[in-house]
Amino acid sequence: MPIPGLPMLADQGERFDRACAAELASRGADVVITYSSDKSGVEPAAVVAQFKKLGVRALPVQSDASSWTWSSVTFPVDQNLKSEYDRIFAINTEGVFFLVISALDLGLLRDHGRIIEITSVASLHGMPKGGVYGASKEALEAISRSSELGPRNITSNSVAPGPVVRAMFESFVSGDAGKVIKVVMIGNTALGRLANPSPLLPALKIVGFLASPASQWITGQSIQASGGMTKSL
């Protein structure tokens, strides 16, 4: 279902968020792309040009959501690392929360707007060194369940993808312990495998649906796209 004119705020990194922006732009949504620097080698202007080819408006905005890799947001909960705790919540929770607040203040989320937050199955399933990371994602899901915007017909939902086999994930499971975790992840997934980037398409379609007028009666929900991952690790 088309969503003409709906502004979408997304990161230009090679991650799920950029794919979400492309999905919504293909449906007619205007896009605001945030990026921290050009060090990734991906020129913001080139990314904007790709979206404009779809016939939508695209605006690059440089901002600092802090750089991270999987290894940089995981640590054992029995380590007293308040600085790491604060940093992970700043990246995963505070950054998104204040982005939404800014969008509200600027009038980008008018009546009948859509808030869609990308979280993780880590918010529901425990894993080694992932307690604080999961807590930061669960905090974001709790925020998405807030009801203050309901009278304005602004819906708020989250999408929680499962693990995806990409370079960042492979670095996390590269050691002996990581290989064991990967085997357990597969065993705890109903479909018996982890997602490659292409199986993310269903998750992208969920995002597209939640942004469309057809989702007007769906709010305060967290929808998993994890292949049926149901157990803690």
C-alpha atoms as a PDB file:
ATOM      1  CA  MET A   1       0.000   0.000   0.000  1.00  0.00           C
ATOM      2  CA  PRO A   2       1.467   3.394  -0.960  1.00  0.00           C
ATOM      3  CA  ILE A   3       2.366   5.929   1.722  1.00  0.00           C
ATOM      4  CA  PRO A   4       2.954   9.132  -0.267  1.00  0.00           C
ATOM      5  CA  GLY A   5       4.628  12.012   1.539  1.00  0.00           C
ATOM      6  CA  LEU A   6       5.269  10.179   4.821  1.00  0.00           C
ATOM      7  CA  PRO A   7       8.673  11.273   6.152  1.00  0.00           C
ATOM      8  CA  MET A   8      11.025   8.473   7.152  1.00  0.00           C
ATOM      9  CA  LEU A   9      14.039   9.026   9.400  1.00  0.00           C
ATOM     10  CA  ALA A  10      16.767   6.443   8.869  1.00  0.00           C
ATOM     11  CA  ASP A  11      20.487   5.797   9.135  1.00  0.00           C
ATOM     12  CA  GLN A  12      22.452   5.367   5.901  1.00  0.00           C
ATOM     13  CA  GLY A  13      24.609   2.534   7.261  1.00  0.00           C
ATOM     14  CA  GLU A  14      24.677  -0.879   5.608  1.00  0.00           C
ATOM     15  CA  ARG A  15      22.143  -2.208   8.065  1.00  0.00           C
ATOM     16  CA  PHE A  16      18.470  -2.930   8.430  1.00  0.00           C
ATOM     17  CA  ASP A  17      17.643   0.753   8.855  1.00  0.00           C
ATOM     18  CA  ARG A  18      18.899   1.699   5.400  1.00  0.00           C
ATOM     19  CA  ALA A  19      16.952  -1.186   3.896  1.00  0.00           C
ATOM     20  CA  CYS A  20      13.854   0.102   5.717  1.00  0.00           C
ATOM     21  CA  ALA A  21      14.361   3.542   4.202  1.00  0.00           C
ATOM     22  CA  ALA A  22      14.603   1.997   0.738  1.00  0.00           C
ATOM     23  CA  GLU A  23      11.442  -0.040   1.343  1.00  0.00           C
ATOM     24  CA  LEU A  24       9.446   3.010   2.416  1.00  0.00           C
ATOM     25  CA  ALA A  25      10.867   5.214  -0.332  1.00  0.00           C
ATOM     26  CA  SER A  26       9.717   2.599  -2.851  1.00  0.00           C
ATOM     27  CA  ARG A  27       6.219   3.129  -1.412  1.00  0.00           C
ATOM     28  CA  GLY A  28       6.398   6.900  -1.882  1.00  0.00           C
ATOM     29  CA  ALA A  29       7.743   8.060   1.486  1.00  0.00           C
ATOM     30  CA  ASP A  30      10.078  11.041   1.713  1.00  0.00           C
ATOM     31  CA  VAL A  31      13.327  10.179   3.487  1.00  0.00           C
ATOM     32  CA  VAL A  32      15.639  11.942   5.940  1.00  0.00           C
ATOM     33  CA  ILE A  33      18.948  10.075   6.106  1.00  0.00           C
ATOM     34  CA  THR A  34      21.192  10.507   9.120  1.00  0.00           C
ATOM     35  CA  TYR A  35      24.899   9.731   9.082  1.00  0.00           C
ATOM     36  CA  SER A  36      27.791  10.318  11.471  1.00  0.00           C
ATOM     37  CA  SER A  37      30.626  10.673   8.942  1.00  0.00           C
ATOM     38  CA  ASP A  38      31.788   9.698   5.463  1.00  0.00           C
ATOM     39  CA  LYS A  39      34.422   7.306   6.830  1.00  0.00           C
ATOM     40  CA  SER A  40      32.373   4.333   5.706  1.00  0.00           C
ATOM     41  CA  GLY A  41      33.141   5.294   2.124  1.00  0.00           C
ATOM     42  CA  VAL A  42      29.452   5.736   1.322  1.00  0.00           C
ATOM     43  CA  GLU A  43      28.876   9.279   0.134  1.00  0.00           C
ATOM     44  CA  PRO A  44      25.620  10.733   1.511  1.00  0.00           C
ATOM     45  CA  ALA A  45      25.023  12.497  -1.805  1.00  0.00           C
ATOM     46  CA  ALA A  46      25.157   9.184  -3.651  1.00  0.00           C
ATOM     47  CA  VAL A  47      22.678   7.623  -1.236  1.00  0.00           C
ATOM     48  CA  VAL A  48      20.336  10.591  -1.612  1.00  0.00           C
ATOM     49  CA  ALA A  49      20.551  10.299  -5.393  1.00  0.00           C
ATOM     50  CA  GLN A  50      19.463   6.667  -5.188  1.00  0.00           C
ATOM     51  CA  PHE A  51      16.342   7.623  -3.262  1.00  0.00           C
ATOM     52  CA  LYS A  52      15.525  10.548  -5.544  1.00  0.00           C
ATOM     53  CA  LYS A  53      15.460   8.148  -8.483  1.00  0.00           C
ATOM     54  CA  LEU A  54      12.393   6.655  -6.811  1.00  0.00           C
ATOM     55  CA  GLY A  55      10.640  10.012  -7.138  1.00  0.00           C
ATOM     56  CA  VAL A  56      10.731  10.965  -3.454  1.00  0.00           C
ATOM     57  CA  ARG A  57      12.434  13.761  -1.566  1.00  0.00           C
ATOM     58  CA  ALA A  58      15.588  12.789   0.330  1.00  0.00           C
ATOM     59  CA  LEU A  59      17.561  14.916   2.774  1.00  0.00           C
ATOM     60  CA  PRO A  60      20.923  13.958   4.339  1.00  0.00           C
ATOM     61  CA  VAL A  61      21.513  15.145   7.911  1.00  0.00           C
ATOM     62  CA  GLN A  62      24.804  14.594   9.712  1.00  0.00           C
ATOM     63  CA  SER A  63      24.305  13.573  13.329  1.00  0.00           C
ATOM     64  CA  ASP A  64      26.107  11.511  15.941  1.00  0.00           C
ATOM     65  CA  ALA A  65      24.314   8.368  17.045  1.00  0.00           C
ATOM     66  CA  SER A  66      27.705   6.927  18.092  1.00  0.00           C
ATOM     67  CA  SER A  67      29.467   4.220  16.115  1.00  0.00           C
ATOM     68  CA  TRP A  68      29.175   0.642  17.282  1.00  0.00           C
ATOM     69  CA  THR A  69      29.756  -2.970  16.389  1.00  0.00           C
ATOM     70  CA  TRP A  70      28.193  -6.010  18.034  1.00  0.00           C
ATOM     71  CA  SER A  71      31.302  -6.566  20.144  1.00  0.00           C
ATOM     72  CA  SER A  72      31.175  -2.968  21.359  1.00  0.00           C
ATOM     73  CA  VAL A  73      27.663  -3.297  22.816  1.00  0.00           C
ATOM     74  CA  THR A  74      28.089  -6.603  24.627  1.00  0.00           C
ATOM     75  CA  PHE A  75      29.795  -7.328  27.924  1.00  0.00           C
ATOM     76  CA  PRO A  76      29.177  -9.602  30.939  1.00  0.00           C
ATOM     77  CA  VAL A  77      26.633  -8.174  33.363  1.00  0.00           C
ATOM     78  CA  ASP A  78      28.890  -9.056  36.303  1.00  0.00           C
ATOM     79  CA  GLN A  79      31.448  -6.514  35.144  1.00  0.00           C
ATOM     80  CA  ASN A  80      31.056  -3.109  36.761  1.00  0.00           C
ATOM     81  CA  LEU A  81      31.239  -1.066  33.578  1.00  0.00           C
ATOM     82  CA  LYS A  82      28.903   1.876  34.103  1.00  0.00           C
ATOM     83  CA  SER A  83      30.503   3.768  31.236  1.00  0.00           C
ATOM     84  CA  GLU A  84      29.633   0.915  28.852  1.00  0.00           C
ATOM     85  CA  TYR A  85      26.112   0.682  30.281  1.00  0.00           C
ATOM     86  CA  ASP A  86      25.587   4.405  29.712  1.00  0.00           C
ATOM     87  CA  ARG A  87      27.027   4.241  26.189  1.00  0.00           C
ATOM     88  CA  ILE A  88      24.841   1.331  25.104  1.00  0.00           C
ATOM     89  CA  PHE A  89      21.676   3.014  26.388  1.00  0.00           C
ATOM     90  CA  ALA A  90      22.750   6.269  24.723  1.00  0.00           C
ATOM     91  CA  ILE A  91      23.049   4.480  21.374  1.00  0.00           C
ATOM     92  CA  ASN A  92      20.048   2.164  21.481  1.00  0.00           C
ATOM     93  CA  THR A  93      17.521   4.012  23.630  1.00  0.00           C
ATOM     94  CA  GLU A  94      18.228   7.695  24.185  1.00  0.00           C
ATOM     95  CA  GLY A  95      19.202   8.421  20.582  1.00  0.00           C
ATOM     96  CA  VAL A  96      15.974   6.978  19.209  1.00  0.00           C
ATOM     97  CA  PHE A  97      13.810   8.487  21.963  1.00  0.00           C
ATOM     98  CA  PHE A  98      15.070  12.025  21.415  1.00  0.00           C
ATOM     99  CA  LEU A  99      14.872  11.618  17.646  1.00  0.00           C
ATOM    100  CA  VAL A 100      11.164  10.854  18.021  1.00  0.00           C
ATOM    101  CA  ILE A 101      10.716  13.802  20.399  1.00  0.00           C
ATOM    102  CA  SER A 102      12.452  16.109  17.910  1.00  0.00           C
ATOM    103  CA  ALA A 103      10.255  14.828  15.093  1.00  0.00           C
ATOM    104  CA  LEU A 104       7.180  15.600  17.200  1.00  0.00           C
ATOM    105  CA  ASP A 105       8.456  19.081  18.061  1.00  0.00           C
ATOM    106  CA  LEU A 106       9.142  19.824  14.387  1.00  0.00           C
ATOM    107  CA  GLY A 107       5.682  18.691  13.346  1.00  0.00           C
ATOM    108  CA  LEU A 108       6.996  15.768  11.277  1.00  0.00           C
ATOM    109  CA  LEU A 109       4.592  13.400  13.040  1.00  0.00           C
ATOM    110  CA  ARG A 110       1.243  15.017  12.443  1.00  0.00           C
ATOM    111  CA  ASP A 111      -2.060  13.350  13.172  1.00  0.00           C
ATOM    112  CA  HIS A 112      -2.168   9.815  11.750  1.00  0.00           C
ATOM    113  CA  GLY A 113       1.646   9.588  11.912  1.00  0.00           C
ATOM    114  CA  ARG A 114       3.589   6.357  12.360  1.00  0.00           C
ATOM    115  CA  ILE A 115       6.452   5.627  14.763  1.00  0.00           C
ATOM    116  CA  ILE A 116       8.288   2.386  13.940  1.00  0.00           C
ATOM    117  CA  GLU A 117      11.270   1.477  16.076  1.00  0.00           C
ATOM    118  CA  ILE A 118      13.728  -1.265  15.153  1.00  0.00           C
ATOM    119  CA  THR A 119      14.603  -3.310  18.217  1.00  0.00           C
ATOM    120  CA  SER A 120      15.887  -6.894  18.503  1.00  0.00           C
ATOM    121  CA  VAL A 121      14.894 -10.338  19.713  1.00  0.00           C
ATOM    122  CA  ALA A 122      17.642  -9.751  22.298  1.00  0.00           C
ATOM    123  CA  SER A 123      14.986  -7.810  24.227  1.00  0.00           C
ATOM    124  CA  LEU A 124      13.112 -11.075  24.780  1.00  0.00           C
ATOM    125  CA  HIS A 125      15.767 -13.786  24.758  1.00  0.00           C
ATOM    126  CA  GLY A 126      18.779 -13.824  27.038  1.00  0.00           C
ATOM    127  CA  MET A 127      22.230 -14.422  25.584  1.00  0.00           C
ATOM    128  CA  PRO A 128      25.779 -14.350  26.960  1.00  0.00           C
ATOM    129  CA  LYS A 129      27.120 -10.793  27.315  1.00  0.00           C
ATOM    130  CA  GLY A 130      23.878  -9.445  25.866  1.00  0.00           C
ATOM    131  CA  GLY A 131      21.950  -8.530  29.021  1.00  0.00           C
ATOM    132  CA  VAL A 132      22.500  -4.775  28.866  1.00  0.00           C
ATOM    133  CA  TYR A 133      22.088  -4.701  25.085  1.00  0.00           C
ATOM    134  CA  GLY A 134      18.771  -6.543  25.431  1.00  0.00           C
ATOM    135  CA  ALA A 135      17.688  -4.231  28.250  1.00  0.00           C
ATOM    136  CA  SER A 136      18.321  -1.179  26.082  1.00  0.00           C
ATOM    137  CA  LYS A 137      16.162  -2.652  23.318  1.00  0.00           C
ATOM    138  CA  GLU A 138      13.397  -3.635  25.756  1.00  0.00           C
ATOM    139  CA  ALA A 139      13.424  -0.072  27.114  1.00  0.00           C
ATOM    140  CA  LEU A 140      12.818   1.130  23.571  1.00  0.00           C
ATOM    141  CA  GLU A 141       9.914  -1.283  23.186  1.00  0.00           C
ATOM    142  CA  ALA A 142       8.419  -0.014  26.459  1.00  0.00           C
ATOM    143  CA  ILE A 143       8.609   3.536  25.111  1.00  0.00           C
ATOM    144  CA  SER A 144       6.883   2.421  21.912  1.00  0.00           C
ATOM    145  CA  ARG A 145       3.992   1.123  24.028  1.00  0.00           C
ATOM    146  CA  SER A 146       3.360   4.566  25.529  1.00  0.00           C
ATOM    147  CA  SER A 147      -0.196   5.725  24.897  1.00  0.00           C
ATOM    148  CA  GLU A 148       0.101   9.534  24.999  1.00  0.00           C
ATOM    149  CA  LEU A 149       0.011   9.901  21.222  1.00  0.00           C
ATOM    150  CA  GLY A 150      -3.054   7.701  20.756  1.00  0.00           C
ATOM    151  CA  PRO A 151      -5.586  10.568  20.833  1.00  0.00           C
ATOM    152  CA  ARG A 152      -3.692  12.108  17.894  1.00  0.00           C
ATOM    153  CA  ASN A 153      -4.014   8.872  15.916  1.00  0.00           C
ATOM    154  CA  ILE A 154      -0.230   8.450  15.912  1.00  0.00           C
ATOM    155  CA  THR A 155       0.615   4.765  16.142  1.00  0.00           C
ATOM    156  CA  SER A 156       3.812   3.450  17.717  1.00  0.00           C
ATOM    157  CA  ASN A 157       5.153  -0.046  17.109  1.00  0.00           C
ATOM    158  CA  SER A 158       8.457  -1.863  17.018  1.00  0.00           C
ATOM    159  CA  VAL A 159       9.910  -4.562  14.777  1.00  0.00           C
ATOM    160  CA  ALA A 160      12.354  -7.043  16.318  1.00  0.00           C
ATOM    161  CA  PRO A 161      14.516  -8.879  13.754  1.00  0.00           C
ATOM    162  CA  GLY A 162      16.468 -11.960  14.745  1.00  0.00           C
ATOM    163  CA  PRO A 163      20.177 -12.579  14.067  1.00  0.00           C
ATOM    164  CA  VAL A 164      21.295 -12.056  10.470  1.00  0.00           C
ATOM    165  CA  VAL A 165      24.450 -13.633   9.060  1.00  0.00           C
ATOM    166  CA  ARG A 166      26.509 -10.601   8.066  1.00  0.00           C
ATOM    167  CA  ALA A 167      30.065  -9.431   8.709  1.00  0.00           C
ATOM    168  CA  MET A 168      29.219  -7.906  12.102  1.00  0.00           C
ATOM    169  CA  PHE A 169      27.471 -11.061  13.299  1.00  0.00           C
ATOM    170  CA  GLU A 170      30.258 -13.317  12.030  1.00  0.00           C
ATOM    171  CA  SER A 171      32.803 -11.311  14.012  1.00  0.00           C
ATOM    172  CA  PHE A 172      30.726 -11.964  17.140  1.00  0.00           C
ATOM    173  CA  VAL A 173      30.653 -15.747  16.616  1.00  0.00           C
ATOM    174  CA  SER A 174      34.196 -16.128  15.283  1.00  0.00           C
ATOM    175  CA  GLY A 175      35.771 -17.649  18.435  1.00  0.00           C
ATOM    176  CA  ASP A 176      35.173 -21.094  19.919  1.00  0.00           C
ATOM    177  CA  ALA A 177      32.561 -19.784  22.374  1.00  0.00           C
ATOM    178  CA  GLY A 178      30.912 -17.796  19.593  1.00  0.00           C
ATOM    179  CA  LYS A 179      30.629 -20.881  17.401  1.00  0.00           C
ATOM    180  CA  VAL A 180      28.803 -22.665  20.213  1.00  0.00           C
ATOM    181  CA  ILE A 181      26.429 -19.708  20.580  1.00  0.00           C
ATOM    182  CA  LYS A 182      25.707 -19.809  16.839  1.00  0.00           C
ATOM    183  CA  VAL A 183      24.845 -23.525  17.000  1.00  0.00           C
ATOM    184  CA  VAL A 184      22.528 -22.898  19.964  1.00  0.00           C
ATOM    185  CA  MET A 185      20.871 -19.988  18.131  1.00  0.00           C
ATOM    186  CA  ILE A 186      20.098 -22.240  15.181  1.00  0.00           C
ATOM    187  CA  GLY A 187      18.781 -24.956  17.496  1.00  0.00           C
ATOM    188  CA  ASN A 188      16.476 -22.469  19.209  1.00  0.00           C
ATOM    189  CA  THR A 189      15.012 -21.201  15.925  1.00  0.00           C
ATOM    190  CA  ALA A 190      11.872 -22.925  14.646  1.00  0.00           C
ATOM    191  CA  LEU A 191      12.982 -22.732  11.002  1.00  0.00           C
ATOM    192  CA  GLY A 192      16.319 -24.313  11.911  1.00  0.00           C
ATOM    193  CA  ARG A 193      18.546 -21.647  10.397  1.00  0.00           C
ATOM    194  CA  LEU A 194      19.638 -18.036  10.758  1.00  0.00           C
ATOM    195  CA  ALA A 195      18.669 -15.357   8.283  1.00  0.00           C
ATOM    196  CA  ASN A 196      20.895 -14.249   5.447  1.00  0.00           C
ATOM    197  CA  PRO A 197      20.353 -10.625   4.357  1.00  0.00           C
ATOM    198  CA  SER A 198      17.770 -11.650   1.729  1.00  0.00           C
ATOM    199  CA  PRO A 199      15.333 -13.255   4.239  1.00  0.00           C
ATOM    200  CA  LEU A 200      15.042  -9.826   5.852  1.00  0.00           C
ATOM    201  CA  LEU A 201      12.467  -9.048   3.158  1.00  0.00           C
ATOM    202  CA  PRO A 202       9.537 -10.161   5.383  1.00  0.00           C
ATOM    203  CA  ALA A 203      10.742  -7.833   8.149  1.00  0.00           C
ATOM    204  CA  LEU A 204      10.946  -4.974   5.660  1.00  0.00           C
ATOM    205  CA  LYS A 205       7.397  -5.696   4.529  1.00  0.00           C
ATOM    206  CA  ILE A 206       6.288  -5.556   8.171  1.00  0.00           C
ATOM    207  CA  VAL A 207       7.820  -2.082   8.433  1.00  0.00           C
ATOM    208  CA  GLY A 208       6.128  -1.052   5.200  1.00  0.00           C
ATOM    209  CA  PHE A 209       2.762  -2.318   6.426  1.00  0.00           C
ATOM    210  CA  LEU A 210       3.087  -0.564   9.802  1.00  0.00           C
ATOM    211  CA  ALA A 211       3.776   2.700   7.971  1.00  0.00           C
ATOM    212  CA  SER A 212       0.725   2.336   5.744  1.00  0.00           C
ATOM    213  CA  PRO A 213      -2.882   3.449   6.346  1.00  0.00           C
ATOM    214  CA  ALA A 214      -3.853  -0.232   6.642  1.00  0.00           C
ATOM    215  CA  SER A 215      -2.131  -0.431  10.047  1.00  0.00           C
ATOM    216  CA  GLN A 216      -4.212   2.337  11.626  1.00  0.00           C
ATOM    217  CA  TRP A 217      -5.615  -0.013  14.325  1.00  0.00           C
ATOM    218  CA  ILE A 218      -2.257  -1.517  15.294  1.00  0.00           C
ATOM    219  CA  THR A 219      -0.249   0.268  17.976  1.00  0.00           C
ATOM    220  CA  GLY A 220       1.866  -0.576  21.004  1.00  0.00           C
ATOM    221  CA  GLN A 221       2.995  -3.858  19.439  1.00  0.00           C
ATOM    222  CA  SER A 222       6.381  -5.534  19.039  1.00  0.00           C
ATOM    223  CA  ILE A 223       6.481  -7.828  16.018  1.00  0.00           C
ATOM    224  CA  GLN A 224       9.260 -10.388  15.689  1.00  0.00           C
ATOM    225  CA  ALA A 225      10.847 -11.445  12.404  1.00  0.00           C
ATOM    226  CA  SER A 226      13.194 -14.070  13.783  1.00  0.00           C
ATOM    227  CA  GLY A 227      12.362 -17.375  12.131  1.00  0.00           C
ATOM    228  CA  GLY A 228      10.702 -18.454  15.355  1.00  0.00           C
ATOM    229  CA  MET A 229      13.511 -17.903  17.853  1.00  0.00           C
ATOM    230  CA  THR A 230      11.785 -18.760  21.110  1.00  0.00           C
ATOM    231  CA  LYS A 231      14.386 -19.660  23.742  1.00  0.00           C
ATOM    232  CA  SER A 232      17.160 -17.997  25.691  1.00  0.00           C
ATOM    233  CA  LEU A 233      20.745 -18.903  24.851  1.00  0.00           C
END
